[in-house]
PDB file of N, CA and C in Angstrom:
ATOM      1  N   MET A   1     -86.318-196.146-173.521  1.00  0.00           N
ATOM      2  CA  MET A   1     -86.763-194.876-173.896  1.00  0.00           C
ATOM      3  C   MET A   1     -85.637-193.549-173.204  1.00  0.00           C
ATOM      4  N   THR A   2     -85.087-192.452-173.863  1.00  0.00           N
ATOM      5  CA  THR A   2     -83.813-191.747-173.505  1.00  0.00           C
ATOM      6  C   THR A   2     -84.635-191.052-172.481  1.00  0.00           C
ATOM      7  N   GLU A   3     -84.275-190.377-171.699  1.00  0.00           N
ATOM      8  CA  GLU A   3     -84.627-189.150-170.902  1.00  0.00           C
ATOM      9  C   GLU A   3     -84.262-187.793-171.318  1.00  0.00           C
ATOM     10  N   THR A   4     -85.202-186.788-172.186  1.00  0.00           N
ATOM     11  CA  THR A   4     -84.208-185.457-173.002  1.00  0.00           C
ATOM     12  C   THR A   4     -84.756-184.325-171.591  1.00  0.00           C
ATOM     13  N   LYS A   5     -83.591-183.459-172.015  1.00  0.00           N
ATOM     14  CA  LYS A   5     -83.563-182.041-171.038  1.00  0.00           C
ATOM     15  C   LYS A   5     -84.269-181.285-171.918  1.00  0.00           C
ATOM     16  N   THR A   6     -84.186-180.124-171.879  1.00  0.00           N
ATOM     17  CA  THR A   6     -83.904-178.590-172.506  1.00  0.00           C
ATOM     18  C   THR A   6     -83.333-177.437-171.597  1.00  0.00           C
ATOM     19  N   ILE A   7     -82.495-177.157-172.774  1.00  0.00           N
ATOM     20  CA  ILE A   7     -81.402-176.484-172.140  1.00  0.00           C
ATOM     21  C   ILE A   7     -81.617-174.984-173.212  1.00  0.00           C
ATOM     22  N   LYS A   8     -80.916-174.050-172.303  1.00  0.00           N
ATOM     23  CA  LYS A   8     -80.693-172.609-173.285  1.00  0.00           C
ATOM     24  C   LYS A   8     -79.716-172.707-173.351  1.00  0.00           C
ATOM     25  N   ILE A   9     -79.217-172.215-174.616  1.00  0.00           N
ATOM     26  CA  ILE A   9     -78.048-171.380-174.986  1.00  0.00           C
ATOM     27  C   ILE A   9     -77.996-170.387-175.925  1.00  0.00           C
ATOM     28  N   SER A  10     -76.754-169.809-175.947  1.00  0.00           N
ATOM     29  CA  SER A  10     -76.960-168.448-176.639  1.00  0.00           C
ATOM     30  C   SER A  10     -77.495-168.623-178.606  1.00  0.00           C
ATOM     31  N   LYS A  11     -77.535-167.874-179.048  1.00  0.00           N
ATOM     32  CA  LYS A  11     -77.837-167.902-180.739  1.00  0.00           C
ATOM     33  C   LYS A  11     -75.810-168.202-180.948  1.00  0.00           C
ATOM     34  N   GLU A  12     -74.815-167.870-180.631  1.00  0.00           N
ATOM     35  CA  GLU A  12     -73.603-167.831-181.267  1.00  0.00           C
ATOM     36  C   GLU A  12     -73.268-169.463-180.940  1.00  0.00           C
ATOM     37  N   MET A  13     -73.190-169.782-179.540  1.00  0.00           N
ATOM     38  CA  MET A  13     -73.290-171.028-179.113  1.00  0.00           C
ATOM     39  C   MET A  13     -73.806-172.129-180.241  1.00  0.00           C
ATOM     40  N   TYR A  14     -75.018-172.068-180.156  1.00  0.00           N
ATOM     41  CA  TYR A  14     -75.878-172.609-181.419  1.00  0.00           C
ATOM     42  C   TYR A  14     -74.771-172.730-182.728  1.00  0.00           C
ATOM     43  N   ALA A  15     -74.935-171.797-182.879  1.00  0.00           N
ATOM     44  CA  ALA A  15     -74.277-171.531-184.600  1.00  0.00           C
ATOM     45  C   ALA A  15     -73.125-172.606-184.679  1.00  0.00           C
ATOM     46  N   LYS A  16     -72.144-172.151-183.316  1.00  0.00           N
ATOM     47  CA  LYS A  16     -70.821-172.977-183.286  1.00  0.00           C
ATOM     48  C   LYS A  16     -71.051-174.303-183.531  1.00  0.00           C
ATOM     49  N   LEU A  17     -72.101-174.689-182.374  1.00  0.00           N
ATOM     50  CA  LEU A  17     -72.056-176.439-181.786  1.00  0.00           C
ATOM     51  C   LEU A  17     -73.016-176.882-183.622  1.00  0.00           C
ATOM     52  N   SER A  18     -74.284-176.208-184.186  1.00  0.00           N
ATOM     53  CA  SER A  18     -74.048-176.668-185.330  1.00  0.00           C
ATOM     54  C   SER A  18     -73.560-176.859-186.257  1.00  0.00           C
ATOM     55  N   GLU A  19     -71.857-175.796-186.611  1.00  0.00           N
ATOM     56  CA  GLU A  19     -71.055-175.876-187.674  1.00  0.00           C
ATOM     57  C   GLU A  19     -70.211-177.149-186.916  1.00  0.00           C
ATOM     58  N   ILE A  20     -69.988-177.341-185.981  1.00  0.00           N
ATOM     59  CA  ILE A  20     -69.318-178.680-185.145  1.00  0.00           C
ATOM     60  C   ILE A  20     -70.206-180.062-185.690  1.00  0.00           C
ATOM     61  N   ALA A  21     -71.406-179.876-186.065  1.00  0.00           N
ATOM     62  CA  ALA A  21     -72.161-180.932-186.302  1.00  0.00           C
ATOM     63  C   ALA A  21     -71.981-181.307-187.643  1.00  0.00           C
ATOM     64  N   GLY A  22     -72.329-180.146-188.790  1.00  0.00           N
ATOM     65  CA  GLY A  22     -72.083-180.265-189.791  1.00  0.00           C
ATOM     66  C   GLY A  22     -70.604-180.578-190.236  1.00  0.00           C
ATOM     67  N   GLU A  23     -69.504-180.634-189.856  1.00  0.00           N
ATOM     68  CA  GLU A  23     -68.159-181.158-189.849  1.00  0.00           C
ATOM     69  C   GLU A  23     -68.418-182.098-189.748  1.00  0.00           C
ATOM     70  N   LEU A  24     -68.444-182.790-188.388  1.00  0.00           N
ATOM     71  CA  LEU A  24     -69.263-184.158-188.157  1.00  0.00           C
ATOM     72  C   LEU A  24     -69.928-185.024-189.208  1.00  0.00           C
ATOM     73  N   GLN A  25     -70.734-184.544-189.371  1.00  0.00           N
ATOM     74  CA  GLN A  25     -71.971-185.050-191.048  1.00  0.00           C
ATOM     75  C   GLN A  25     -70.680-185.364-192.039  1.00  0.00           C
ATOM     76  N   MET A  26     -70.106-184.147-192.353  1.00  0.00           N
ATOM     77  CA  MET A  26     -69.333-184.627-193.229  1.00  0.00           C
ATOM     78  C   MET A  26     -68.164-185.927-193.335  1.00  0.00           C
ATOM     79  N   ARG A  27     -67.125-185.655-192.343  1.00  0.00           N
ATOM     80  CA  ARG A  27     -66.596-186.650-191.749  1.00  0.00           C
ATOM     81  C   ARG A  27     -67.226-187.843-191.817  1.00  0.00           C
ATOM     82  N   LEU A  28     -68.539-188.406-191.428  1.00  0.00           N
ATOM     83  CA  LEU A  28     -68.805-189.524-190.943  1.00  0.00           C
ATOM     84  C   LEU A  28     -69.886-189.190-192.813  1.00  0.00           C
ATOM     85  N   LYS A  29     -70.064-188.600-193.479  1.00  0.00           N
ATOM     86  CA  LYS A  29     -71.215-189.089-194.425  1.00  0.00           C
ATOM     87  C   LYS A  29     -72.295-189.533-194.323  1.00  0.00           C
ATOM     88  N   ARG A  30     -73.188-188.750-193.201  1.00  0.00           N
ATOM     89  CA  ARG A  30     -73.825-189.355-192.865  1.00  0.00           C
ATOM     90  C   ARG A  30     -74.853-188.398-191.394  1.00  0.00           C
ATOM     91  N   PRO A  31     -76.271-188.022-191.606  1.00  0.00           N
ATOM     92  CA  PRO A  31     -76.800-187.295-190.409  1.00  0.00           C
ATOM     93  C   PRO A  31     -76.357-186.997-189.082  1.00  0.00           C
ATOM     94  N   VAL A  32     -76.193-185.822-188.545  1.00  0.00           N
ATOM     95  CA  VAL A  32     -75.408-185.792-187.419  1.00  0.00           C
ATOM     96  C   VAL A  32     -76.169-185.225-186.426  1.00  0.00           C
ATOM     97  N   SER A  33     -76.796-185.325-185.461  1.00  0.00           N
ATOM     98  CA  SER A  33     -77.564-184.655-184.338  1.00  0.00           C
ATOM     99  C   SER A  33     -76.683-184.028-183.026  1.00  0.00           C
ATOM    100  N   LEU A  34     -77.668-182.834-183.078  1.00  0.00           N
ATOM    101  CA  LEU A  34     -76.498-181.593-182.535  1.00  0.00           C
ATOM    102  C   LEU A  34     -76.594-182.520-180.486  1.00  0.00           C
ATOM    103  N   ASP A  35     -77.376-183.160-180.230  1.00  0.00           N
ATOM    104  CA  ASP A  35     -76.826-183.952-179.340  1.00  0.00           C
ATOM    105  C   ASP A  35     -75.165-184.725-179.649  1.00  0.00           C
ATOM    106  N   GLU A  36     -75.635-185.579-180.819  1.00  0.00           N
ATOM    107  CA  GLU A  36     -74.077-186.037-180.754  1.00  0.00           C
ATOM    108  C   GLU A  36     -72.940-185.388-181.254  1.00  0.00           C
ATOM    109  N   ALA A  37     -73.245-184.250-181.457  1.00  0.00           N
ATOM    110  CA  ALA A  37     -71.798-183.408-181.291  1.00  0.00           C
ATOM    111  C   ALA A  37     -71.717-182.718-180.189  1.00  0.00           C
ATOM    112  N   MET A  38     -72.651-182.555-179.324  1.00  0.00           N
ATOM    113  CA  MET A  38     -72.237-182.266-177.795  1.00  0.00           C
ATOM    114  C   MET A  38     -71.314-183.300-177.523  1.00  0.00           C
ATOM    115  N   LYS A  39     -71.853-184.952-177.907  1.00  0.00           N
ATOM    116  CA  LYS A  39     -71.345-185.976-177.109  1.00  0.00           C
ATOM    117  C   LYS A  39     -69.499-186.347-177.513  1.00  0.00           C
ATOM    118  N   TYR A  40     -68.971-185.438-179.629  1.00  0.00           N
ATOM    119  CA  TYR A  40     -68.582-185.461-180.009  1.00  0.00           C
ATOM    120  C   TYR A  40     -67.606-184.365-178.836  1.00  0.00           C
ATOM    121  N   LEU A  41     -67.623-183.665-177.961  1.00  0.00           N
ATOM    122  CA  LEU A  41     -66.858-182.401-177.726  1.00  0.00           C
ATOM    123  C   LEU A  41     -66.205-182.976-176.425  1.00  0.00           C
ATOM    124  N   ILE A  42     -67.713-183.633-175.630  1.00  0.00           N
ATOM    125  CA  ILE A  42     -67.086-184.465-174.470  1.00  0.00           C
ATOM    126  C   ILE A  42     -66.511-185.298-174.679  1.00  0.00           C
ATOM    127  N   ASN A  43     -66.211-186.250-175.320  1.00  0.00           N
ATOM    128  CA  ASN A  43     -65.566-187.347-175.576  1.00  0.00           C
ATOM    129  C   ASN A  43     -64.083-186.994-175.831  1.00  0.00           C
ATOM    130  N   LEU A  44     -64.157-185.546-176.582  1.00  0.00           N
ATOM    131  CA  LEU A  44     -62.382-185.174-177.151  1.00  0.00           C
ATOM    132  C   LEU A  44     -62.235-184.451-175.910  1.00  0.00           C
ATOM    133  N   LYS A  45     -62.263-183.537-175.348  1.00  0.00           N
ATOM    134  CA  LYS A  45     -62.948-182.898-173.828  1.00  0.00           C
ATOM    135  C   LYS A  45     -62.058-184.387-172.552  1.00  0.00           C
ATOM    136  N   GLU A  46     -62.632-185.581-172.573  1.00  0.00           N
ATOM    137  CA  GLU A  46     -61.981-186.477-171.970  1.00  0.00           C
ATOM    138  C   GLU A  46     -60.741-187.480-172.401  1.00  0.00           C
ATOM    139  N   LYS A  47     -60.978-187.619-173.707  1.00  0.00           N
ATOM    140  CA  LYS A  47     -59.583-188.338-174.507  1.00  0.00           C
ATOM    141  C   LYS A  47     -58.381-187.330-173.945  1.00  0.00           C
ATOM    142  N   THR A  48     -58.224-185.512-174.117  1.00  0.00           N
ATOM    143  CA  THR A  48     -57.016-184.716-174.650  1.00  0.00           C
ATOM    144  C   THR A  48     -57.454-184.189-172.717  1.00  0.00           C
ATOM    145  N   THR A  49     -56.093-185.361-172.317  1.00  0.00           N
ATOM    146  CA  THR A  49     -55.708-184.562-171.212  1.00  0.00           C
ATOM    147  C   THR A  49     -54.256-184.117-170.694  1.00  0.00           C
ATOM    148  N   LYS A  50     -53.257-184.895-171.317  1.00  0.00           N
ATOM    149  CA  LYS A  50     -52.253-184.295-171.770  1.00  0.00           C
ATOM    150  C   LYS A  50     -51.708-183.992-172.995  1.00  0.00           C
ATOM    151  N   ILE A  51     -50.882-182.947-173.067  1.00  0.00           N
ATOM    152  CA  ILE A  51     -50.447-182.778-173.641  1.00  0.00           C
ATOM    153  C   ILE A  51     -49.579-183.078-175.386  1.00  0.00           C
ATOM    154  N   THR A  52     -49.489-184.503-174.585  1.00  0.00           N
ATOM    155  CA  THR A  52     -48.678-185.227-175.700  1.00  0.00           C
ATOM    156  C   THR A  52     -49.992-185.974-176.363  1.00  0.00           C
ATOM    157  N   ASP A  53     -51.156-186.322-175.952  1.00  0.00           N
ATOM    158  CA  ASP A  53     -52.281-186.325-176.809  1.00  0.00           C
ATOM    159  C   ASP A  53     -52.175-185.676-178.393  1.00  0.00           C
ATOM    160  N   LEU A  54     -51.993-184.284-178.196  1.00  0.00           N
ATOM    161  CA  LEU A  54     -52.113-183.490-179.034  1.00  0.00           C
ATOM    162  C   LEU A  54     -50.834-183.680-180.422  1.00  0.00           C
ATOM    163  N   ALA A  55     -50.299-184.470-179.991  1.00  0.00           N
ATOM    164  CA  ALA A  55     -48.835-185.115-180.732  1.00  0.00           C
ATOM    165  C   ALA A  55     -49.202-184.928-182.193  1.00  0.00           C
ATOM    166  N   GLY A  56     -48.611-184.917-183.172  1.00  0.00           N
ATOM    167  CA  GLY A  56     -49.092-185.015-184.401  1.00  0.00           C
ATOM    168  C   GLY A  56     -50.415-184.438-185.353  1.00  0.00           C
ATOM    169  N   SER A  57     -50.943-183.481-184.336  1.00  0.00           N
ATOM    170  CA  SER A  57     -52.218-182.778-184.420  1.00  0.00           C
ATOM    171  C   SER A  57     -51.941-181.118-185.616  1.00  0.00           C
ATOM    172  N   TRP A  58     -50.855-181.140-185.120  1.00  0.00           N
ATOM    173  CA  TRP A  58     -50.557-179.572-185.922  1.00  0.00           C
ATOM    174  C   TRP A  58     -49.812-180.201-187.315  1.00  0.00           C
ATOM    175  N   ASP A  59     -50.430-179.524-188.223  1.00  0.00           N
ATOM    176  CA  ASP A  59     -49.511-179.789-189.897  1.00  0.00           C
ATOM    177  C   ASP A  59     -49.236-178.643-189.938  1.00  0.00           C
ATOM    178  N   ILE A  60     -47.994-179.042-190.020  1.00  0.00           N
ATOM    179  CA  ILE A  60     -46.705-177.888-190.182  1.00  0.00           C
ATOM    180  C   ILE A  60     -46.388-177.914-191.476  1.00  0.00           C
ATOM    181  N   SER A  61     -46.248-176.382-191.702  1.00  0.00           N
ATOM    182  CA  SER A  61     -45.155-176.099-193.363  1.00  0.00           C
ATOM    183  C   SER A  61     -43.792-176.328-192.845  1.00  0.00           C
ATOM    184  N   ASP A  62     -42.800-176.194-193.974  1.00  0.00           N
ATOM    185  CA  ASP A  62     -41.529-176.371-194.059  1.00  0.00           C
ATOM    186  C   ASP A  62     -41.287-174.829-193.275  1.00  0.00           C
ATOM    187  N   THR A  63     -41.485-173.742-193.880  1.00  0.00           N
ATOM    188  CA  THR A  63     -41.239-173.094-193.683  1.00  0.00           C
ATOM    189  C   THR A  63     -41.562-172.146-192.016  1.00  0.00           C
ATOM    190  N   GLU A  64     -42.828-173.128-191.489  1.00  0.00           N
ATOM    191  CA  GLU A  64     -42.960-172.542-190.198  1.00  0.00           C
ATOM    192  C   GLU A  64     -41.796-173.666-189.498  1.00  0.00           C
ATOM    193  N   LEU A  65     -41.328-174.793-189.835  1.00  0.00           N
ATOM    194  CA  LEU A  65     -40.402-175.823-189.145  1.00  0.00           C
ATOM    195  C   LEU A  65     -39.249-174.755-188.954  1.00  0.00           C
ATOM    196  N   ALA A  66     -38.909-174.271-189.971  1.00  0.00           N
ATOM    197  CA  ALA A  66     -37.574-173.187-190.020  1.00  0.00           C
ATOM    198  C   ALA A  66     -37.382-172.011-189.047  1.00  0.00           C
ATOM    199  N   GLU A  67     -38.614-171.289-189.449  1.00  0.00           N
ATOM    200  CA  GLU A  67     -38.630-170.167-188.139  1.00  0.00           C
ATOM    201  C   GLU A  67     -38.875-170.953-186.524  1.00  0.00           C
ATOM    202  N   ILE A  68     -39.041-171.692-185.853  1.00  0.00           N
ATOM    203  CA  ILE A  68     -39.377-172.653-185.265  1.00  0.00           C
ATOM    204  C   ILE A  68     -38.004-172.728-184.894  1.00  0.00           C
ATOM    205  N   LYS A  69     -37.304-173.321-185.429  1.00  0.00           N
ATOM    206  CA  LYS A  69     -36.278-173.848-185.200  1.00  0.00           C
ATOM    207  C   LYS A  69     -35.060-172.789-185.277  1.00  0.00           C
ATOM    208  N   THR A  70     -35.136-171.640-186.131  1.00  0.00           N
ATOM    209  CA  THR A  70     -34.118-170.526-185.475  1.00  0.00           C
ATOM    210  C   THR A  70     -34.205-169.914-184.554  1.00  0.00           C
ATOM    211  N   SER A  71     -35.971-169.439-183.705  1.00  0.00           N
ATOM    212  CA  SER A  71     -36.376-168.827-182.956  1.00  0.00           C
ATOM    213  C   SER A  71     -35.477-169.306-181.689  1.00  0.00           C
ATOM    214  N   LEU A  72     -35.441-170.350-181.604  1.00  0.00           N
ATOM    215  CA  LEU A  72     -35.051-171.400-180.423  1.00  0.00           C
ATOM    216  C   LEU A  72     -33.986-171.373-180.592  1.00  0.00           C
ATOM    217  N   LYS A  73     -33.363-171.748-181.939  1.00  0.00           N
ATOM    218  CA  LYS A  73     -31.642-171.621-181.410  1.00  0.00           C
ATOM    219  C   LYS A  73     -31.345-170.194-180.751  1.00  0.00           C
ATOM    220  N   GLU A  74     -31.928-169.348-180.778  1.00  0.00           N
ATOM    221  CA  GLU A  74     -31.440-167.936-180.780  1.00  0.00           C
ATOM    222  C   GLU A  74     -31.933-167.360-179.602  1.00  0.00           C
ATOM    223  N   ALA A  75     -32.907-168.142-178.515  1.00  0.00           N
ATOM    224  CA  ALA A  75     -32.834-168.609-177.469  1.00  0.00           C
ATOM    225  C   ALA A  75     -32.284-169.164-176.305  1.00  0.00           C
ATOM    226  N   TRP A  76     -31.938-170.223-176.799  1.00  0.00           N
ATOM    227  CA  TRP A  76     -30.634-171.063-177.044  1.00  0.00           C
ATOM    228  C   TRP A  76     -29.158-169.820-176.354  1.00  0.00           C
ATOM    229  N   LYS A  77     -29.562-168.882-177.073  1.00  0.00           N
ATOM    230  CA  LYS A  77     -28.206-168.317-177.512  1.00  0.00           C
ATOM    231  C   LYS A  77     -28.026-167.552-175.901  1.00  0.00           C
ATOM    232  N   ARG A  78     -29.259-166.377-175.906  1.00  0.00           N
ATOM    233  CA  ARG A  78     -29.362-166.002-175.135  1.00  0.00           C
ATOM    234  C   ARG A  78     -29.476-166.477-173.221  1.00  0.00           C
ATOM    235  N   TRP A  79     -30.099-167.517-173.494  1.00  0.00           N
ATOM    236  CA  TRP A  79     -29.681-167.818-172.463  1.00  0.00           C
ATOM    237  C   TRP A  79     -28.825-168.655-171.636  1.00  0.00           C
ATOM    238  N   LYS A  80     -28.322-167.998-170.394  1.00  0.00           N
ATOM    239  CA  LYS A  80     -27.684-168.178-169.719  1.00  0.00           C
ATOM    240  C   LYS A  80     -28.113-169.344-168.454  1.00  0.00           C
ATOM    241  N   SER A  81     -27.108-170.020-167.903  1.00  0.00           N
ATOM    242  CA  SER A  81     -27.361-171.084-166.501  1.00  0.00           C
ATOM    243  C   SER A  81     -27.376-170.088-165.437  1.00  0.00           C
ATOM    244  N   THR A  82     -28.091-170.683-164.344  1.00  0.00           N
ATOM    245  CA  THR A  82     -27.990-169.725-162.988  1.00  0.00           C
ATOM    246  C   THR A  82     -27.083-170.738-162.077  1.00  0.00           C
ATOM    247  N   GLU A  83     -26.398-171.823-162.858  1.00  0.00           N
ATOM    248  CA  GLU A  83     -25.425-172.489-161.648  1.00  0.00           C
ATOM    249  C   GLU A  83     -23.773-172.576-162.241  1.00  0.00           C
ATOM    250  N   SER A  84     -23.411-171.899-161.244  1.00  0.00           N
ATOM    251  CA  SER A  84     -21.920-172.354-161.387  1.00  0.00           C
ATOM    252  C   SER A  84     -21.197-172.937-160.933  1.00  0.00           C
TER     253      SER A  84
END
């Protein structure tokens, strides 16, 4: 039998945790407890330790991509090397 502990969390945090559990339930197509939702968040935190772990996670539109490229080109035009 697993030992349990009682913790106090704010109503806001409970609502957020319940929302995450609901999203997991829809994805997994089965009931998901708050305990399982917390385990999911902890595992997610442990897995995402480098910025490169997020590669491919941003769903970007062609318009957003064009704006980013334009912004970068403008920034590089203004950048000056300190080396001579």
